Amino acid sequence: GGGIKDGKKFKAVQTGGPSGGCIPEE
């Protein structure tokens, strides 16, 4: 994916659509 846009810090990724969970950096 090339990392986060505009040099911002990653916070979370949500997998599984509206029913998925938000996964933090750790």
mmCIF file of all heavy atoms, coordinates in Angstrom:
data_MODEL
# 
_entry.id   MODEL 
# 
loop_
_atom_site.group_PDB 
_atom_site.id 
_atom_site.type_symbol 
_atom_site.label_atom_id 
_atom_site.label_alt_id 
_atom_site.label_comp_id 
_atom_site.label_asym_id 
_atom_site.label_entity_id 
_atom_site.label_seq_id 
_atom_site.pdbx_PDB_ins_code 
_atom_site.Cartn_x 
_atom_site.Cartn_y 
_atom_site.Cartn_z 
_atom_site.occupancy 
_atom_site.B_iso_or_equiv 
_atom_site.pdbx_formal_charge 
_atom_site.auth_seq_id 
_atom_site.auth_comp_id 
_atom_site.auth_asym_id 
_atom_site.auth_atom_id 
_atom_site.pdbx_PDB_model_num 
ATOM 1   N N   . GLY A 1 1  ? 0.795   -1.231 0.000  1.00 0.00 ? 1  GLY A N   1 
ATOM 2   C CA  . GLY A 1 1  ? 0.000   0.000  0.000  1.00 0.00 ? 1  GLY A CA  1 
ATOM 3   C C   . GLY A 1 1  ? 0.823   1.274  0.000  1.00 0.00 ? 1  GLY A C   1 
ATOM 4   O O   . GLY A 1 1  ? 0.286   2.362  -0.219 1.00 0.00 ? 1  GLY A O   1 
ATOM 5   N N   . GLY A 1 2  ? 2.123   1.171  0.279  1.00 0.00 ? 2  GLY A N   1 
ATOM 6   C CA  . GLY A 1 2  ? 2.984   2.357  0.239  1.00 0.00 ? 2  GLY A CA  1 
ATOM 7   C C   . GLY A 1 2  ? 2.929   3.231  1.474  1.00 0.00 ? 2  GLY A C   1 
ATOM 8   O O   . GLY A 1 2  ? 3.467   4.337  1.478  1.00 0.00 ? 2  GLY A O   1 
ATOM 9   N N   . GLY A 1 3  ? 2.262   2.768  2.530  1.00 0.00 ? 3  GLY A N   1 
ATOM 10  C CA  . GLY A 1 3  ? 2.216   3.546  3.762  1.00 0.00 ? 3  GLY A CA  1 
ATOM 11  C C   . GLY A 1 3  ? 1.105   4.581  3.785  1.00 0.00 ? 3  GLY A C   1 
ATOM 12  O O   . GLY A 1 3  ? 0.240   4.626  2.912  1.00 0.00 ? 3  GLY A O   1 
ATOM 13  N N   . ILE A 1 4  ? 1.155   5.436  4.782  1.00 0.00 ? 4  ILE A N   1 
ATOM 14  C CA  . ILE A 1 4  ? 0.079   6.408  5.019  1.00 0.00 ? 4  ILE A CA  1 
ATOM 15  C C   . ILE A 1 4  ? 0.295   7.662  4.176  1.00 0.00 ? 4  ILE A C   1 
ATOM 16  O O   . ILE A 1 4  ? 1.424   8.142  4.023  1.00 0.00 ? 4  ILE A O   1 
ATOM 17  C CB  . ILE A 1 4  ? 0.014   6.783  6.513  1.00 0.00 ? 4  ILE A CB  1 
ATOM 18  C CG1 . ILE A 1 4  ? 0.008   5.505  7.379  1.00 0.00 ? 4  ILE A CG1 1 
ATOM 19  C CG2 . ILE A 1 4  ? -1.224  7.623  6.801  1.00 0.00 ? 4  ILE A CG2 1 
ATOM 20  C CD1 . ILE A 1 4  ? -1.078  4.522  7.044  1.00 0.00 ? 4  ILE A CD1 1 
ATOM 21  N N   . LYS A 1 5  ? -0.783  8.188  3.656  1.00 0.00 ? 5  LYS A N   1 
ATOM 22  C CA  . LYS A 1 5  ? -0.725  9.389  2.801  1.00 0.00 ? 5  LYS A CA  1 
ATOM 23  C C   . LYS A 1 5  ? -0.233  10.611 3.579  1.00 0.00 ? 5  LYS A C   1 
ATOM 24  O O   . LYS A 1 5  ? -0.473  10.744 4.775  1.00 0.00 ? 5  LYS A O   1 
ATOM 25  C CB  . LYS A 1 5  ? -2.118  9.692  2.227  1.00 0.00 ? 5  LYS A CB  1 
ATOM 26  C CG  . LYS A 1 5  ? -2.603  8.693  1.198  1.00 0.00 ? 5  LYS A CG  1 
ATOM 27  C CD  . LYS A 1 5  ? -4.019  8.973  0.788  1.00 0.00 ? 5  LYS A CD  1 
ATOM 28  C CE  . LYS A 1 5  ? -4.146  10.249 0.002  1.00 0.00 ? 5  LYS A CE  1 
ATOM 29  N NZ  . LYS A 1 5  ? -5.515  10.447 -0.512 1.00 0.00 ? 5  LYS A NZ  1 
ATOM 30  N N   . ASP A 1 6  ? 0.463   11.499 2.847  1.00 0.00 ? 6  ASP A N   1 
ATOM 31  C CA  . ASP A 1 6  ? 0.881   12.815 3.360  1.00 0.00 ? 6  ASP A CA  1 
ATOM 32  C C   . ASP A 1 6  ? 1.766   12.723 4.600  1.00 0.00 ? 6  ASP A C   1 
ATOM 33  O O   . ASP A 1 6  ? 1.817   13.667 5.405  1.00 0.00 ? 6  ASP A O   1 
ATOM 34  C CB  . ASP A 1 6  ? -0.350  13.689 3.670  1.00 0.00 ? 6  ASP A CB  1 
ATOM 35  C CG  . ASP A 1 6  ? -1.267  13.856 2.459  1.00 0.00 ? 6  ASP A CG  1 
ATOM 36  O OD1 . ASP A 1 6  ? -0.726  13.985 1.342  1.00 0.00 ? 6  ASP A OD1 1 
ATOM 37  O OD2 . ASP A 1 6  ? -2.493  13.844 2.634  1.00 0.00 ? 6  ASP A OD2 1 
ATOM 38  N N   . GLY A 1 7  ? 2.446   11.600 4.777  1.00 0.00 ? 7  GLY A N   1 
ATOM 39  C CA  . GLY A 1 7  ? 3.369   11.463 5.891  1.00 0.00 ? 7  GLY A CA  1 
ATOM 40  C C   . GLY A 1 7  ? 2.709   11.419 7.258  1.00 0.00 ? 7  GLY A C   1 
ATOM 41  O O   . GLY A 1 7  ? 3.376   11.612 8.278  1.00 0.00 ? 7  GLY A O   1 
ATOM 42  N N   . LYS A 1 8  ? 1.417   11.146 7.298  1.00 0.00 ? 8  LYS A N   1 
ATOM 43  C CA  . LYS A 1 8  ? 0.694   11.094 8.577  1.00 0.00 ? 8  LYS A CA  1 
ATOM 44  C C   . LYS A 1 8  ? 1.030   9.803  9.324  1.00 0.00 ? 8  LYS A C   1 
ATOM 45  O O   . LYS A 1 8  ? 1.601   8.863  8.768  1.00 0.00 ? 8  LYS A O   1 
ATOM 46  C CB  . LYS A 1 8  ? -0.812  11.174 8.341  1.00 0.00 ? 8  LYS A CB  1 
ATOM 47  C CG  . LYS A 1 8  ? -1.281  12.454 7.665  1.00 0.00 ? 8  LYS A CG  1 
ATOM 48  C CD  . LYS A 1 8  ? -1.436  13.578 8.660  1.00 0.00 ? 8  LYS A CD  1 
ATOM 49  C CE  . LYS A 1 8  ? -2.072  14.796 8.013  1.00 0.00 ? 8  LYS A CE  1 
ATOM 50  N NZ  . LYS A 1 8  ? -2.308  15.879 8.969  1.00 0.00 ? 8  LYS A NZ  1 
ATOM 51  N N   . LYS A 1 9  ? 0.640   9.740  10.580 1.00 0.00 ? 9  LYS A N   1 
ATOM 52  C CA  . LYS A 1 9  ? 0.910   8.577  11.417 1.00 0.00 ? 9  LYS A CA  1 
ATOM 53  C C   . LYS A 1 9  ? -0.245  7.578  11.309 1.00 0.00 ? 9  LYS A C   1 
ATOM 54  O O   . LYS A 1 9  ? -1.414  7.955  11.360 1.00 0.00 ? 9  LYS A O   1 
ATOM 55  C CB  . LYS A 1 9  ? 1.093   9.019  12.870 1.00 0.00 ? 9  LYS A CB  1 
ATOM 56  C CG  . LYS A 1 9  ? 1.586   7.920  13.803 1.00 0.00 ? 9  LYS A CG  1 
ATOM 57  C CD  . LYS A 1 9  ? 1.820   8.497  15.202 1.00 0.00 ? 9  LYS A CD  1 
ATOM 58  C CE  . LYS A 1 9  ? 2.397   7.441  16.141 1.00 0.00 ? 9  LYS A CE  1 
ATOM 59  N NZ  . LYS A 1 9  ? 1.523   6.278  16.335 1.00 0.00 ? 9  LYS A NZ  1 
ATOM 60  N N   . PHE A 1 10 ? 0.095   6.302  11.168 1.00 0.00 ? 10 PHE A N   1 
ATOM 61  C CA  . PHE A 1 10 ? -0.915  5.250  11.144 1.00 0.00 ? 10 PHE A CA  1 
ATOM 62  C C   . PHE A 1 10 ? -1.637  5.191  12.487 1.00 0.00 ? 10 PHE A C   1 
ATOM 63  O O   . PHE A 1 10 ? -1.014  5.301  13.543 1.00 0.00 ? 10 PHE A O   1 
ATOM 64  C CB  . PHE A 1 10 ? -0.254  3.899  10.853 1.00 0.00 ? 10 PHE A CB  1 
ATOM 65  C CG  . PHE A 1 10 ? -1.182  2.717  11.000 1.00 0.00 ? 10 PHE A CG  1 
ATOM 66  C CD1 . PHE A 1 10 ? -1.972  2.306  9.945  1.00 0.00 ? 10 PHE A CD1 1 
ATOM 67  C CD2 . PHE A 1 10 ? -1.276  2.025  12.206 1.00 0.00 ? 10 PHE A CD2 1 
ATOM 68  C CE1 . PHE A 1 10 ? -2.837  1.217  10.081 1.00 0.00 ? 10 PHE A CE1 1 
ATOM 69  C CE2 . PHE A 1 10 ? -2.139  0.947  12.356 1.00 0.00 ? 10 PHE A CE2 1 
ATOM 70  C CZ  . PHE A 1 10 ? -2.910  0.541  11.286 1.00 0.00 ? 10 PHE A CZ  1 
ATOM 71  N N   . LYS A 1 11 ? -2.959  4.997  12.436 1.00 0.00 ? 11 LYS A N   1 
ATOM 72  C CA  . LYS A 1 11 ? -3.726  4.894  13.668 1.00 0.00 ? 11 LYS A CA  1 
ATOM 73  C C   . LYS A 1 11 ? -4.428  3.551  13.803 1.00 0.00 ? 11 LYS A C   1 
ATOM 74  O O   . LYS A 1 11 ? -4.362  2.901  14.843 1.00 0.00 ? 11 LYS A O   1 
ATOM 75  C CB  . LYS A 1 11 ? -4.756  6.018  13.755 1.00 0.00 ? 11 LYS A CB  1 
ATOM 76  C CG  . LYS A 1 11 ? -5.432  6.104  15.120 1.00 0.00 ? 11 LYS A CG  1 
ATOM 77  C CD  . LYS A 1 11 ? -6.231  7.402  15.235 1.00 0.00 ? 11 LYS A CD  1 
ATOM 78  C CE  . LYS A 1 11 ? -6.659  7.691  16.647 1.00 0.00 ? 11 LYS A CE  1 
ATOM 79  N NZ  . LYS A 1 11 ? -7.373  8.974  16.754 1.00 0.00 ? 11 LYS A NZ  1 
ATOM 80  N N   . ALA A 1 12 ? -5.121  3.131  12.758 1.00 0.00 ? 12 ALA A N   1 
ATOM 81  C CA  . ALA A 1 12 ? -5.861  1.861  12.825 1.00 0.00 ? 12 ALA A CA  1 
ATOM 82  C C   . ALA A 1 12 ? -6.214  1.398  11.422 1.00 0.00 ? 12 ALA A C   1 
ATOM 83  O O   . ALA A 1 12 ? -6.186  2.174  10.472 1.00 0.00 ? 12 ALA A O   1 
ATOM 84  C CB  . ALA A 1 12 ? -7.136  2.028  13.661 1.00 0.00 ? 12 ALA A CB  1 
ATOM 85  N N   . VAL A 1 13 ? -6.536  0.118  11.309 1.00 0.00 ? 13 VAL A N   1 
ATOM 86  C CA  . VAL A 1 13 ? -7.069  -0.422 10.061 1.00 0.00 ? 13 VAL A CA  1 
ATOM 87  C C   . VAL A 1 13 ? -8.313  -1.226 10.413 1.00 0.00 ? 13 VAL A C   1 
ATOM 88  O O   . VAL A 1 13 ? -8.328  -1.971 11.389 1.00 0.00 ? 13 VAL A O   1 
ATOM 89  C CB  . VAL A 1 13 ? -6.034  -1.296 9.311  1.00 0.00 ? 13 VAL A CB  1 
ATOM 90  C CG1 . VAL A 1 13 ? -5.548  -2.458 10.180 1.00 0.00 ? 13 VAL A CG1 1 
ATOM 91  C CG2 . VAL A 1 13 ? -6.622  -1.822 7.999  1.00 0.00 ? 13 VAL A CG2 1 
ATOM 92  N N   . GLN A 1 14 ? -9.345  -1.014 9.636  1.00 0.00 ? 14 GLN A N   1 
ATOM 93  C CA  . GLN A 1 14 ? -10.596 -1.722 9.865  1.00 0.00 ? 14 GLN A CA  1 
ATOM 94  C C   . GLN A 1 14 ? -10.748 -2.801 8.806  1.00 0.00 ? 14 GLN A C   1 
ATOM 95  O O   . GLN A 1 14 ? -10.710 -2.516 7.610  1.00 0.00 ? 14 GLN A O   1 
ATOM 96  C CB  . GLN A 1 14 ? -11.780 -0.755 9.820  1.00 0.00 ? 14 GLN A CB  1 
ATOM 97  C CG  . GLN A 1 14 ? -13.011 -1.315 10.499 1.00 0.00 ? 14 GLN A CG  1 
ATOM 98  C CD  . GLN A 1 14 ? -14.193 -1.464 9.573  1.00 0.00 ? 14 GLN A CD  1 
ATOM 99  O OE1 . GLN A 1 14 ? -14.019 -1.465 8.357  1.00 0.00 ? 14 GLN A OE1 1 
ATOM 100 N NE2 . GLN A 1 14 ? -15.376 -1.601 10.113 1.00 0.00 ? 14 GLN A NE2 1 
ATOM 101 N N   . THR A 1 15 ? -10.850 -4.064 9.230  1.00 0.00 ? 15 THR A N   1 
ATOM 102 C CA  . THR A 1 15 ? -11.020 -5.172 8.293  1.00 0.00 ? 15 THR A CA  1 
ATOM 103 C C   . THR A 1 15 ? -12.427 -5.736 8.426  1.00 0.00 ? 15 THR A C   1 
ATOM 104 O O   . THR A 1 15 ? -13.037 -5.657 9.487  1.00 0.00 ? 15 THR A O   1 
ATOM 105 C CB  . THR A 1 15 ? -10.001 -6.299 8.559  1.00 0.00 ? 15 THR A CB  1 
ATOM 106 O OG1 . THR A 1 15 ? -10.274 -6.879 9.842  1.00 0.00 ? 15 THR A OG1 1 
ATOM 107 C CG2 . THR A 1 15 ? -8.577  -5.777 8.539  1.00 0.00 ? 15 THR A CG2 1 
ATOM 108 N N   . GLY A 1 16 ? -12.942 -6.278 7.339  1.00 0.00 ? 16 GLY A N   1 
ATOM 109 C CA  . GLY A 1 16 ? -14.228 -6.960 7.414  1.00 0.00 ? 16 GLY A CA  1 
ATOM 110 C C   . GLY A 1 16 ? -15.450 -6.104 7.172  1.00 0.00 ? 16 GLY A C   1 
ATOM 111 O O   . GLY A 1 16 ? -16.563 -6.518 7.483  1.00 0.00 ? 16 GLY A O   1 
ATOM 112 N N   . GLY A 1 17 ? -15.265 -4.902 6.643  1.00 0.00 ? 17 GLY A N   1 
ATOM 113 C CA  . GLY A 1 17 ? -16.420 -4.069 6.345  1.00 0.00 ? 17 GLY A CA  1 
ATOM 114 C C   . GLY A 1 17 ? -17.063 -3.478 7.595  1.00 0.00 ? 17 GLY A C   1 
ATOM 115 O O   . GLY A 1 17 ? -16.440 -3.426 8.652  1.00 0.00 ? 17 GLY A O   1 
ATOM 116 N N   . PRO A 1 18 ? -18.323 -3.050 7.499  1.00 0.00 ? 18 PRO A N   1 
ATOM 117 C CA  . PRO A 1 18 ? -19.000 -2.396 8.631  1.00 0.00 ? 18 PRO A CA  1 
ATOM 118 C C   . PRO A 1 18 ? -19.101 -3.291 9.860  1.00 0.00 ? 18 PRO A C   1 
ATOM 119 O O   . PRO A 1 18 ? -19.292 -2.804 10.970 1.00 0.00 ? 18 PRO A O   1 
ATOM 120 C CB  . PRO A 1 18 ? -20.401 -2.088 8.087  1.00 0.00 ? 18 PRO A CB  1 
ATOM 121 C CG  . PRO A 1 18 ? -20.272 -2.162 6.610  1.00 0.00 ? 18 PRO A CG  1 
ATOM 122 C CD  . PRO A 1 18 ? -19.188 -3.144 6.313  1.00 0.00 ? 18 PRO A CD  1 
ATOM 123 N N   . SER A 1 19 ? -18.965 -4.605 9.659  1.00 0.00 ? 19 SER A N   1 
ATOM 124 C CA  . SER A 1 19 ? -19.075 -5.544 10.776 1.00 0.00 ? 19 SER A CA  1 
ATOM 125 C C   . SER A 1 19 ? -17.716 -5.944 11.335 1.00 0.00 ? 19 SER A C   1 
ATOM 126 O O   . SER A 1 19 ? -17.634 -6.826 12.188 1.00 0.00 ? 19 SER A O   1 
ATOM 127 C CB  . SER A 1 19 ? -19.825 -6.800 10.321 1.00 0.00 ? 19 SER A CB  1 
ATOM 128 O OG  . SER A 1 19 ? -21.086 -6.466 9.794  1.00 0.00 ? 19 SER A OG  1 
ATOM 129 N N   . GLY A 1 20 ? -16.663 -5.319 10.857 1.00 0.00 ? 20 GLY A N   1 
ATOM 130 C CA  . GLY A 1 20 ? -15.321 -5.678 11.302 1.00 0.00 ? 20 GLY A CA  1 
ATOM 131 C C   . GLY A 1 20 ? -14.848 -4.837 12.467 1.00 0.00 ? 20 GLY A C   1 
ATOM 132 O O   . GLY A 1 20 ? -15.536 -3.925 12.924 1.00 0.00 ? 20 GLY A O   1 
ATOM 133 N N   . GLY A 1 21 ? -13.643 -5.150 12.933 1.00 0.00 ? 21 GLY A N   1 
ATOM 134 C CA  . GLY A 1 21 ? -13.066 -4.424 14.052 1.00 0.00 ? 21 GLY A CA  1 
ATOM 135 C C   . GLY A 1 21 ? -11.970 -3.489 13.603 1.00 0.00 ? 21 GLY A C   1 
ATOM 136 O O   . GLY A 1 21 ? -11.400 -3.651 12.525 1.00 0.00 ? 21 GLY A O   1 
ATOM 137 N N   . CYS A 1 22 ? -11.667 -2.492 14.434 1.00 0.00 ? 22 CYS A N   1 
ATOM 138 C CA  . CYS A 1 22 ? -10.598 -1.536 14.159 1.00 0.00 ? 22 CYS A CA  1 
ATOM 139 C C   . CYS A 1 22 ? -9.337  -1.992 14.889 1.00 0.00 ? 22 CYS A C   1 
ATOM 140 O O   . CYS A 1 22 ? -9.329  -2.103 16.119 1.00 0.00 ? 22 CYS A O   1 
ATOM 141 C CB  . CYS A 1 22 ? -11.013 -0.131 14.609 1.00 0.00 ? 22 CYS A CB  1 
ATOM 142 S SG  . CYS A 1 22 ? -12.432 0.513  13.684 1.00 0.00 ? 22 CYS A SG  1 
ATOM 143 N N   . ILE A 1 23 ? -8.278  -2.248 14.135 1.00 0.00 ? 23 ILE A N   1 
ATOM 144 C CA  . ILE A 1 23 ? -7.059  -2.844 14.670 1.00 0.00 ? 23 ILE A CA  1 
ATOM 145 C C   . ILE A 1 23 ? -5.989  -1.768 14.832 1.00 0.00 ? 23 ILE A C   1 
ATOM 146 O O   . ILE A 1 23 ? -5.641  -1.089 13.854 1.00 0.00 ? 23 ILE A O   1 
ATOM 147 C CB  . ILE A 1 23 ? -6.554  -3.958 13.732 1.00 0.00 ? 23 ILE A CB  1 
ATOM 148 C CG1 . ILE A 1 23 ? -7.648  -5.018 13.534 1.00 0.00 ? 23 ILE A CG1 1 
ATOM 149 C CG2 . ILE A 1 23 ? -5.282  -4.590 14.270 1.00 0.00 ? 23 ILE A CG2 1 
ATOM 150 C CD1 . ILE A 1 23 ? -7.369  -5.999 12.409 1.00 0.00 ? 23 ILE A CD1 1 
ATOM 151 N N   . PRO A 1 24 ? -5.419  -1.586 16.041 1.00 0.00 ? 24 PRO A N   1 
ATOM 152 C CA  . PRO A 1 24 ? -4.431  -0.529 16.276 1.00 0.00 ? 24 PRO A CA  1 
ATOM 153 C C   . PRO A 1 24 ? -3.026  -0.928 15.815 1.00 0.00 ? 24 PRO A C   1 
ATOM 154 O O   . PRO A 1 24 ? -2.783  -2.069 15.397 1.00 0.00 ? 24 PRO A O   1 
ATOM 155 C CB  . PRO A 1 24 ? -4.480  -0.346 17.787 1.00 0.00 ? 24 PRO A CB  1 
ATOM 156 C CG  . PRO A 1 24 ? -4.837  -1.701 18.305 1.00 0.00 ? 24 PRO A CG  1 
ATOM 157 C CD  . PRO A 1 24 ? -5.761  -2.315 17.287 1.00 0.00 ? 24 PRO A CD  1 
ATOM 158 N N   . GLU A 1 25 ? -2.098  0.021  15.938 1.00 0.00 ? 25 GLU A N   1 
ATOM 159 C CA  . GLU A 1 25 ? -0.725  -0.152 15.441 1.00 0.00 ? 25 GLU A CA  1 
ATOM 160 C C   . GLU A 1 25 ? -0.020  -1.337 16.075 1.00 0.00 ? 25 GLU A C   1 
ATOM 161 O O   . GLU A 1 25 ? 0.792   -2.007 15.422 1.00 0.00 ? 25 GLU A O   1 
ATOM 162 C CB  . GLU A 1 25 ? 0.067   1.131  15.704 1.00 0.00 ? 25 GLU A CB  1 
ATOM 163 C CG  . GLU A 1 25 ? 1.451   1.130  15.096 1.00 0.00 ? 25 GLU A CG  1 
ATOM 164 C CD  . GLU A 1 25 ? 2.160   2.465  15.267 1.00 0.00 ? 25 GLU A CD  1 
ATOM 165 O OE1 . GLU A 1 25 ? 1.753   3.259  16.127 1.00 0.00 ? 25 GLU A OE1 1 
ATOM 166 O OE2 . GLU A 1 25 ? 3.127   2.698  14.523 1.00 0.00 ? 25 GLU A OE2 1 
ATOM 167 N N   . GLU A 1 26 ? -0.290  -1.636 17.323 1.00 0.00 ? 26 GLU A N   1 
ATOM 168 C CA  . GLU A 1 26 ? 0.427   -2.707 18.018 1.00 0.00 ? 26 GLU A CA  1 
ATOM 169 C C   . GLU A 1 26 ? 0.202   -4.079 17.396 1.00 0.00 ? 26 GLU A C   1 
ATOM 170 O O   . GLU A 1 26 ? 0.976   -5.021 17.643 1.00 0.00 ? 26 GLU A O   1 
ATOM 171 C CB  . GLU A 1 26 ? 0.023   -2.741 19.496 1.00 0.00 ? 26 GLU A CB  1 
ATOM 172 C CG  . GLU A 1 26 ? -1.444  -3.047 19.722 1.00 0.00 ? 26 GLU A CG  1 
ATOM 173 C CD  . GLU A 1 26 ? -1.875  -2.872 21.177 1.00 0.00 ? 26 GLU A CD  1 
ATOM 174 O OE1 . GLU A 1 26 ? -1.645  -3.790 21.986 1.00 0.00 ? 26 GLU A OE1 1 
ATOM 175 O OE2 . GLU A 1 26 ? -2.437  -1.793 21.483 1.00 0.00 ? 26 GLU A OE2 1 
# 
